[in-house]
Protein backbone atom coordinates (compact mmCIF):
# COMPACT_ATOMS: atom_id res chain seq x y z
CA UNK A 1 -10.19 64.95 -51.49
CA UNK A 2 -7.24 66.99 -50.68
CA UNK A 3 -4.35 64.99 -49.31
CA UNK A 4 -1.16 66.44 -47.79
CA UNK A 5 1.58 63.78 -48.25
CA UNK A 6 4.35 64.19 -46.35
CA UNK A 7 8.09 61.95 -47.47
CA UNK A 8 11.53 62.89 -47.34
CA UNK A 9 12.87 62.43 -50.55
CA UNK A 10 10.30 61.13 -53.45
CA UNK A 11 12.31 60.21 -56.61
CA UNK A 12 13.08 57.08 -58.63
CA UNK A 13 16.06 56.27 -57.31
CA UNK A 14 14.51 56.07 -53.74
CA UNK A 15 12.29 52.63 -53.04
CA UNK A 16 9.55 54.12 -51.38
CA UNK A 17 9.52 57.33 -53.18
CA UNK A 18 9.31 55.28 -56.37
CA UNK A 19 5.63 53.93 -54.48
CA UNK A 20 4.80 56.91 -53.73
CA UNK A 21 5.25 58.45 -57.78
CA UNK A 22 3.52 55.54 -58.51
CA UNK A 23 0.34 56.52 -56.54
CA UNK A 24 0.62 60.33 -57.24
CA UNK A 25 0.80 59.67 -61.16
CA UNK A 26 -2.09 56.86 -60.86
CA UNK A 27 -4.42 59.59 -58.72
CA UNK A 28 -3.74 62.83 -59.32
CA UNK A 29 -7.13 63.11 -61.58
CA UNK A 30 -8.96 61.84 -58.79
CA UNK A 31 -7.63 63.50 -55.52
CA UNK A 32 -5.51 67.25 -54.98
CA UNK A 33 -2.52 66.35 -53.88
CA UNK A 34 0.06 68.13 -52.17
CA UNK A 35 3.55 66.74 -51.27
CA UNK A 36 5.33 68.12 -48.50
CA UNK A 37 8.94 66.68 -49.01
CA UNK A 38 13.09 67.40 -49.31
CA UNK A 39 13.25 66.09 -53.09
CA UNK A 40 10.80 65.72 -55.62
CA UNK A 41 9.88 64.39 -59.19
CA UNK A 42 7.23 65.61 -59.87
CA UNK A 43 5.48 63.36 -62.09
CA UNK A 44 2.77 66.16 -62.62
CA UNK A 45 3.41 69.27 -61.83
CA UNK A 46 0.10 70.86 -63.37
CA UNK A 47 -1.72 68.60 -60.53
CA UNK A 48 0.32 68.33 -57.88
CA UNK A 49 1.43 70.95 -55.68
CA UNK A 50 4.98 70.70 -53.98
CA UNK A 51 6.19 72.36 -50.56
CA UNK A 52 9.94 72.13 -50.17
CA UNK A 53 11.32 71.08 -46.76
CA UNK A 54 14.27 72.42 -46.34
CA UNK A 55 16.39 69.68 -44.27
CA UNK A 56 19.78 67.55 -44.99
CA UNK A 57 19.21 63.85 -46.63
CA UNK A 58 22.00 62.57 -44.68
CA UNK A 59 22.77 61.37 -42.24
CA UNK A 60 19.11 59.94 -41.95
CA UNK A 61 19.11 60.03 -38.30
CA UNK A 62 19.51 64.22 -38.56
CA UNK A 63 17.01 64.19 -41.40
CA UNK A 64 14.31 62.27 -38.97
CA UNK A 65 14.88 65.08 -36.52
CA UNK A 66 15.01 67.70 -38.66
CA UNK A 67 12.06 67.00 -40.77
CA UNK A 68 10.06 66.18 -37.32
CA UNK A 69 10.96 69.76 -36.63
CA UNK A 70 10.45 71.58 -39.83
CA UNK A 71 7.89 69.65 -41.78
CA UNK A 72 4.88 70.52 -39.29
CA UNK A 73 6.02 74.75 -39.85
CA UNK A 74 6.05 74.30 -43.84
CA UNK A 75 2.24 72.84 -43.53
CA UNK A 76 1.33 75.12 -40.74
CA UNK A 77 2.46 78.40 -43.24
CA UNK A 78 1.00 76.51 -46.05
CA UNK A 79 -2.38 76.22 -44.51
CA UNK A 80 -2.26 79.76 -43.49
CA UNK A 81 -1.15 81.19 -46.56
CA UNK A 82 -3.35 79.11 -48.79
CA UNK A 83 -6.13 79.00 -46.87
CA UNK A 84 -6.51 75.14 -47.31
CA UNK A 85 -8.08 72.46 -45.24
CA UNK A 86 -6.92 68.99 -45.91
CA UNK A 87 -9.23 65.95 -45.92
CA UNK A 88 -6.17 63.49 -44.96
CA UNK A 89 -2.89 63.53 -43.87
CA UNK A 90 -0.56 60.59 -45.30
CA UNK A 91 3.09 59.88 -43.88
CA UNK A 92 5.72 57.52 -43.85
CA UNK A 93 5.98 55.35 -40.99
CA UNK A 94 7.23 57.56 -38.23
CA UNK A 95 8.19 60.29 -39.68
CA UNK A 96 5.64 62.78 -38.84
CA UNK A 97 4.06 62.95 -35.54
CA UNK A 98 0.13 63.52 -36.96
CA UNK A 99 -1.88 62.33 -39.63
CA UNK A 100 -4.45 59.56 -40.68
CA UNK A 101 -2.59 57.49 -42.93
CA UNK A 102 0.81 55.95 -41.76
CA UNK A 103 2.24 54.26 -44.90
CA UNK A 104 4.96 51.80 -43.30
CA UNK A 105 7.69 50.30 -44.80
CA UNK A 106 9.42 49.39 -41.50
CA UNK A 107 9.23 48.31 -38.28
CA UNK A 108 11.87 49.66 -36.54
CA UNK A 109 11.35 48.18 -33.15
CA UNK A 110 10.92 44.75 -34.07
CA UNK A 111 14.27 45.00 -36.30
CA UNK A 112 16.47 46.58 -33.49
CA UNK A 113 15.11 43.62 -30.96
CA UNK A 114 15.12 40.73 -33.15
CA UNK A 115 18.13 41.61 -35.90
CA UNK A 116 20.21 43.99 -35.08
CA UNK A 117 22.47 42.23 -33.10
CA UNK A 118 23.06 40.16 -35.52
CA UNK A 119 24.77 42.41 -38.05
CA UNK A 120 27.62 43.59 -36.36
CA UNK A 121 27.53 47.08 -37.95
CA UNK A 122 30.75 48.74 -37.10
CA UNK A 123 32.27 52.15 -36.64
CA UNK A 124 30.25 55.33 -36.89
CA UNK A 125 28.22 54.69 -39.80
CA UNK A 126 26.83 51.71 -37.53
CA UNK A 127 26.34 54.11 -35.15
CA UNK A 128 24.21 56.51 -37.24
CA UNK A 129 22.36 53.69 -38.94
CA UNK A 130 21.02 52.71 -34.96
CA UNK A 131 20.05 55.97 -33.80
CA UNK A 132 18.31 56.35 -36.82
CA UNK A 133 16.35 53.17 -36.47
CA UNK A 134 16.27 54.16 -32.22
CA UNK A 135 14.56 57.43 -33.00
CA UNK A 136 11.96 55.65 -35.30
CA UNK A 137 11.13 53.02 -32.72
CA UNK A 138 10.89 55.74 -30.12
CA UNK A 139 7.92 57.35 -32.13
CA UNK A 140 6.54 54.37 -33.60
CA UNK A 141 4.15 53.26 -30.44
CA UNK A 142 2.77 56.90 -30.43
CA UNK A 143 1.87 56.98 -34.17
CA UNK A 144 0.40 53.63 -34.43
CA UNK A 145 -1.61 54.24 -31.42
CA UNK A 146 -3.15 57.48 -32.99
CA UNK A 147 -3.05 56.75 -36.99
CA UNK A 148 -6.70 55.74 -38.34
CA UNK A 149 -5.18 53.60 -40.89
CA UNK A 150 -1.70 51.72 -41.17
CA UNK A 151 -0.30 50.50 -44.80
CA UNK A 152 1.95 47.81 -45.19
CA UNK A 153 3.31 46.49 -48.62
CA UNK A 154 3.09 43.17 -47.22
CA UNK A 155 0.93 41.02 -45.02
CA UNK A 156 4.52 39.85 -43.35
CA UNK A 157 4.87 43.30 -42.07
CA UNK A 158 1.14 43.43 -41.11
CA UNK A 159 1.84 40.64 -39.04
CA UNK A 160 5.02 41.87 -37.31
CA UNK A 161 3.28 45.38 -36.38
CA UNK A 162 0.27 43.61 -34.91
CA UNK A 163 2.55 41.52 -32.48
CA UNK A 164 4.68 44.65 -31.83
CA UNK A 165 1.88 46.88 -31.48
CA UNK A 166 -1.58 45.31 -30.18
CA UNK A 167 -4.64 46.55 -31.25
CA UNK A 168 -3.44 47.81 -34.80
CA UNK A 169 -4.71 44.88 -36.46
CA UNK A 170 -8.18 46.17 -37.62
CA UNK A 171 -6.59 49.50 -38.49
CA UNK A 172 -3.89 47.94 -40.87
CA UNK A 173 -4.19 47.38 -44.73
CA UNK A 174 -1.88 45.41 -47.17
CA UNK A 175 -1.08 47.42 -50.70
CA UNK A 176 1.58 45.52 -52.48
CA UNK A 177 4.65 47.42 -53.79
CA UNK A 178 3.89 48.32 -57.44
CA UNK A 179 6.09 47.33 -60.31
CA UNK A 180 5.73 48.93 -63.96
CA UNK A 181 5.75 45.60 -65.98
CA UNK A 182 5.81 46.16 -69.22
CA UNK A 183 8.71 48.93 -68.77
CA UNK A 184 10.73 45.76 -66.96
CA UNK A 185 10.00 43.10 -69.76
CA UNK A 186 13.30 42.86 -71.77
CA UNK A 187 12.60 44.03 -75.31
CA UNK A 188 13.19 41.92 -78.18
CA UNK A 189 15.58 44.72 -79.66
CA UNK A 190 17.76 44.29 -76.89
CA UNK A 191 21.37 42.71 -77.47
CA UNK A 192 21.82 40.89 -74.34
CA UNK A 193 25.22 39.34 -75.61
CA UNK A 194 26.80 42.66 -75.97
CA UNK A 195 25.55 43.93 -72.36
CA UNK A 196 27.17 41.20 -71.00
CA UNK A 197 30.05 41.84 -72.58
CA UNK A 198 30.23 45.28 -71.56
CA UNK A 199 29.74 44.08 -68.11
CA UNK A 200 32.97 41.82 -68.29
CA UNK A 201 30.85 38.65 -68.30
CA UNK A 202 31.64 36.09 -70.96
CA UNK A 203 28.32 33.46 -72.03
CA UNK A 204 30.23 31.01 -69.85
CA UNK A 205 29.87 33.23 -66.92
CA UNK A 206 26.60 32.78 -64.38
CA UNK A 207 25.91 36.14 -63.08
CA UNK A 208 23.86 37.64 -60.04
CA UNK A 209 22.83 40.79 -59.46
CA UNK A 210 22.80 42.21 -55.76
CA UNK A 211 21.03 45.25 -55.55
CA UNK A 212 20.74 47.95 -53.01
CA UNK A 213 20.36 51.48 -52.05
CA UNK A 214 22.77 51.00 -48.68
CA UNK A 215 22.43 49.05 -45.89
CA UNK A 216 24.92 46.51 -47.37
CA UNK A 217 24.78 44.46 -43.48
CA UNK A 218 21.04 43.79 -43.52
CA UNK A 219 20.80 42.98 -47.25
CA UNK A 220 23.16 40.39 -46.74
CA UNK A 221 26.48 41.70 -48.51
CA UNK A 222 28.64 40.38 -46.13
CA UNK A 223 27.33 37.07 -46.38
CA UNK A 224 27.11 36.80 -49.96
CA UNK A 225 30.88 38.07 -50.48
CA UNK A 226 32.12 35.21 -48.32
CA UNK A 227 29.98 32.90 -50.12
CA UNK A 228 31.69 33.30 -53.38
CA UNK A 229 34.78 33.49 -51.47
CA UNK A 230 33.80 29.63 -49.60
CA UNK A 231 32.49 28.57 -53.47
CA UNK A 232 35.81 29.65 -55.33
CA UNK A 233 34.00 28.91 -58.50
CA UNK A 234 35.51 31.11 -61.53
CA UNK A 235 32.64 31.16 -63.31
CA UNK A 236 30.55 33.15 -60.48
CA UNK A 237 30.23 36.74 -61.36
CA UNK A 238 28.34 39.12 -58.65
CA UNK A 239 26.98 42.54 -59.77
CA UNK A 240 26.67 44.71 -56.71
CA UNK A 241 24.83 47.86 -57.85
CA UNK A 242 23.69 50.83 -55.60
CA UNK A 243 25.18 52.43 -52.29
CA UNK A 244 27.22 55.06 -51.27
CA UNK A 245 30.87 56.09 -52.43
CA UNK A 246 32.36 55.18 -48.76
CA UNK A 247 30.28 51.65 -48.47
CA UNK A 248 31.57 50.68 -52.11
CA UNK A 249 34.75 51.71 -51.42
CA UNK A 250 35.07 49.43 -47.97
CA UNK A 251 33.56 46.41 -49.46
CA UNK A 252 35.27 46.43 -52.90
CA UNK A 253 38.80 46.42 -50.74
CA UNK A 254 36.94 43.62 -48.25
CA UNK A 255 36.09 41.94 -51.22
CA UNK A 256 39.78 42.30 -52.22
CA UNK A 257 41.16 40.99 -48.95
CA UNK A 258 39.10 37.77 -49.06
CA UNK A 259 40.17 36.59 -53.03
CA UNK A 260 37.56 37.88 -55.07
CA UNK A 261 39.20 39.76 -57.35
CA UNK A 262 37.53 40.20 -60.16
CA UNK A 263 34.78 38.00 -59.21
CA UNK A 264 32.73 40.89 -57.78
CA UNK A 265 32.07 44.32 -60.00
CA UNK A 266 30.55 47.15 -58.35
CA UNK A 267 28.40 49.95 -59.22
CA UNK A 268 27.25 53.49 -57.33
CA UNK A 269 23.20 53.94 -57.55
CA UNK A 270 21.95 53.91 -60.87
CA UNK A 271 18.62 55.42 -61.88
CA UNK A 272 17.73 53.04 -64.14
CA UNK A 273 19.07 49.34 -63.70
CA UNK A 274 17.02 47.90 -66.29
CA UNK A 275 19.67 47.02 -68.83
CA UNK A 276 21.61 45.24 -65.84
CA UNK A 277 18.74 42.82 -64.91
CA UNK A 278 18.43 41.95 -68.66
CA UNK A 279 22.30 40.92 -68.52
CA UNK A 280 22.68 38.72 -65.76
CA UNK A 281 20.99 35.38 -64.67
CA UNK A 282 19.38 35.87 -61.05
CA UNK A 283 18.95 38.37 -58.50
CA UNK A 284 20.58 37.42 -55.41
CA UNK A 285 19.14 38.73 -52.02
CA UNK A 286 20.31 37.15 -48.75
CA UNK A 287 18.60 39.88 -46.91
CA UNK A 288 18.18 39.36 -42.72
CA UNK A 289 15.38 41.78 -42.82
CA UNK A 290 12.74 43.21 -45.34
CA UNK A 291 9.38 45.02 -45.96
CA UNK A 292 8.92 44.14 -49.33
CA UNK A 293 11.99 44.87 -51.47
CA UNK A 294 10.85 46.62 -55.08
CA UNK A 295 13.68 45.07 -56.70
CA UNK A 296 12.56 41.44 -55.98
CA UNK A 297 9.23 42.26 -58.27
CA UNK A 298 11.55 44.58 -60.59
CA UNK A 299 13.75 41.53 -61.09
CA UNK A 300 10.83 39.08 -61.31
CA UNK A 301 8.85 41.24 -63.96
CA UNK A 302 12.56 41.54 -65.96
CA UNK A 303 12.47 37.53 -66.17
CA UNK A 304 15.16 36.97 -63.81
CA UNK A 305 15.07 33.82 -61.08
CA UNK A 306 15.19 35.03 -57.56
CA UNK A 307 17.54 33.56 -55.12
CA UNK A 308 16.40 35.07 -51.86
CA UNK A 309 15.49 34.27 -48.25
CA UNK A 310 11.93 34.08 -46.92
CA UNK A 311 11.54 38.07 -46.80
CA UNK A 312 7.96 39.73 -45.92
CA UNK A 313 6.36 40.46 -49.18
CA UNK A 314 8.38 38.24 -51.37
CA UNK A 315 7.23 34.85 -49.43
CA UNK A 316 4.30 35.81 -50.94
CA UNK A 317 5.51 34.66 -54.44
CA UNK A 318 8.67 33.10 -54.33
CA UNK A 319 8.13 29.05 -54.56
CA UNK A 320 11.47 27.04 -54.30
CA UNK A 321 12.54 25.18 -57.32
CA UNK A 322 9.90 26.64 -59.56
CA UNK A 323 10.47 30.78 -60.16
CA UNK A 324 13.52 30.86 -58.11
CA UNK A 325 15.45 29.17 -54.82
CA UNK A 326 14.18 29.85 -51.56
CA UNK A 327 17.66 30.26 -49.08
CA UNK A 328 18.57 31.50 -45.18
CA UNK A 329 21.05 34.49 -44.39
CA UNK A 330 23.88 31.98 -43.70
CA UNK A 331 27.15 31.42 -45.69
CA UNK A 332 26.34 27.57 -46.06
CA UNK A 333 22.86 28.31 -47.35
CA UNK A 334 23.55 30.86 -49.45
CA UNK A 335 27.05 28.89 -50.73
CA UNK A 336 24.55 25.95 -51.52
CA UNK A 337 21.84 27.89 -53.16
CA UNK A 338 24.04 29.86 -55.75
CA UNK A 339 25.63 26.18 -56.48
CA UNK A 340 22.42 24.93 -57.25
CA UNK A 341 21.51 27.43 -59.20
CA UNK A 342 24.40 27.38 -61.24
CA UNK A 343 24.28 23.94 -61.78
CA UNK A 344 20.93 24.34 -63.87
CA UNK A 345 21.33 24.16 -67.58
CA UNK A 346 20.77 27.30 -69.28
CA UNK A 347 17.66 26.60 -70.81
CA UNK A 348 16.03 25.66 -67.33
CA UNK A 349 17.27 28.93 -65.59
CA UNK A 350 15.02 30.75 -68.49
CA UNK A 351 11.91 28.79 -67.89
CA UNK A 352 12.42 29.70 -64.13
CA UNK A 353 12.71 33.12 -65.00
CA UNK A 354 9.46 33.18 -67.02
CA UNK A 355 7.78 31.64 -64.31
CA UNK A 356 9.52 34.35 -61.80
CA UNK A 357 7.32 37.12 -64.45
CA UNK A 358 4.53 35.31 -64.51
CA UNK A 359 4.14 35.31 -61.12
CA UNK A 360 4.21 39.03 -60.43
CA UNK A 361 1.54 40.06 -62.97
CA UNK A 362 -0.51 40.55 -59.67
CA UNK A 363 1.76 43.53 -58.92
CA UNK A 364 1.13 46.29 -61.81
CA UNK A 365 0.57 49.72 -60.94
CA UNK A 366 -3.14 49.43 -62.43
CA UNK A 367 -3.61 47.30 -59.35
CA UNK A 368 -1.80 49.36 -56.83
CA UNK A 369 -3.81 52.59 -57.84
CA UNK A 370 -7.01 50.74 -57.76
CA UNK A 371 -6.34 49.50 -53.67
CA UNK A 372 -5.42 53.03 -52.98
CA UNK A 373 -8.21 54.60 -54.51
CA UNK A 374 -10.21 52.24 -52.51
CA UNK A 375 -8.58 53.01 -49.18
CA UNK A 376 -9.45 57.11 -50.05
CA UNK A 377 -13.02 56.11 -50.86
CA UNK A 378 -13.05 54.69 -47.13
CA UNK A 379 -11.16 57.76 -45.17
CA UNK A 380 -13.84 59.78 -47.39
CA UNK A 381 -16.68 57.46 -46.22
CA UNK A 382 -15.44 57.59 -42.56
CA UNK A 383 -14.74 61.34 -42.04
CA UNK A 384 -18.89 61.95 -42.95
């Protein structure tokens, strides 16, 4: 099949982009892919053609508008220039107005209706975020009405789309997010004590990682910081990984104001967070809304217990007191859950991490590529 794949940013540092890269690397020998994107780390240049879509990556609302205007022009020009006809057009969410497969990682209408008002994202950043969600939501109905297949990474999102947009249930397929299981496993030669010391951690610290590319409010960072302040436990340390410099500066100042000096360390977005995951004791994710956070799979595959809210996708493998702890996105719940985890002896935490790693073995890259291969076979049969 000749497949045109549209996405903004297809890089290892982007969560959805990383899924696209796994798909492309796994199936580029079976199908002929042409990628239309603003940024692309091509895993197989001899097999995959890239068409650069010139558009600004920030703010997201502007990217949404420009991509909708420019990407179709790039697509039309490519078809005319190379006289190519594609068997399938695949795109992310409502980032394109046409195509057969909508690979959906968010339901913007449901998020705005059920969650946005609780986040209290203020200032210009909040207005731009709202505008981006609103633009996506405006086109979702059109996109989901015309897409022949809607692919979601979790059963929870599938239910959400089906309830928000009646009539879509028969066209929804669930393909769980992938994780490179072997590369996430901590190697025997990794010096954990040295890594912890480099991060400012002592053997007595209970270190938690909070990982996000942004969207701190949706992912519950304000709740986490307030929970740490109320716990007032000097043994607790949180490593906040990811986010823009402006967002980090804002929340570092906020952490200092509520007395968390030294308890929270901020890191800008990292291309590879494995050494941090191998050094800490658990991943904490008090998010208000997710579709299937890839970092949860990566952390579990790295042998970390998960302290998380019952998120879409995560609810499918997180078992309370077995491979982590389930909590609610409230200060009281996060505070008590962290205290519950900190009270465990080190051996119990390690065992919980092993259980987490065992649970996510079903989410390997081979299973992901196989699921997409079956879907493309369905698409090809449908076209006959």
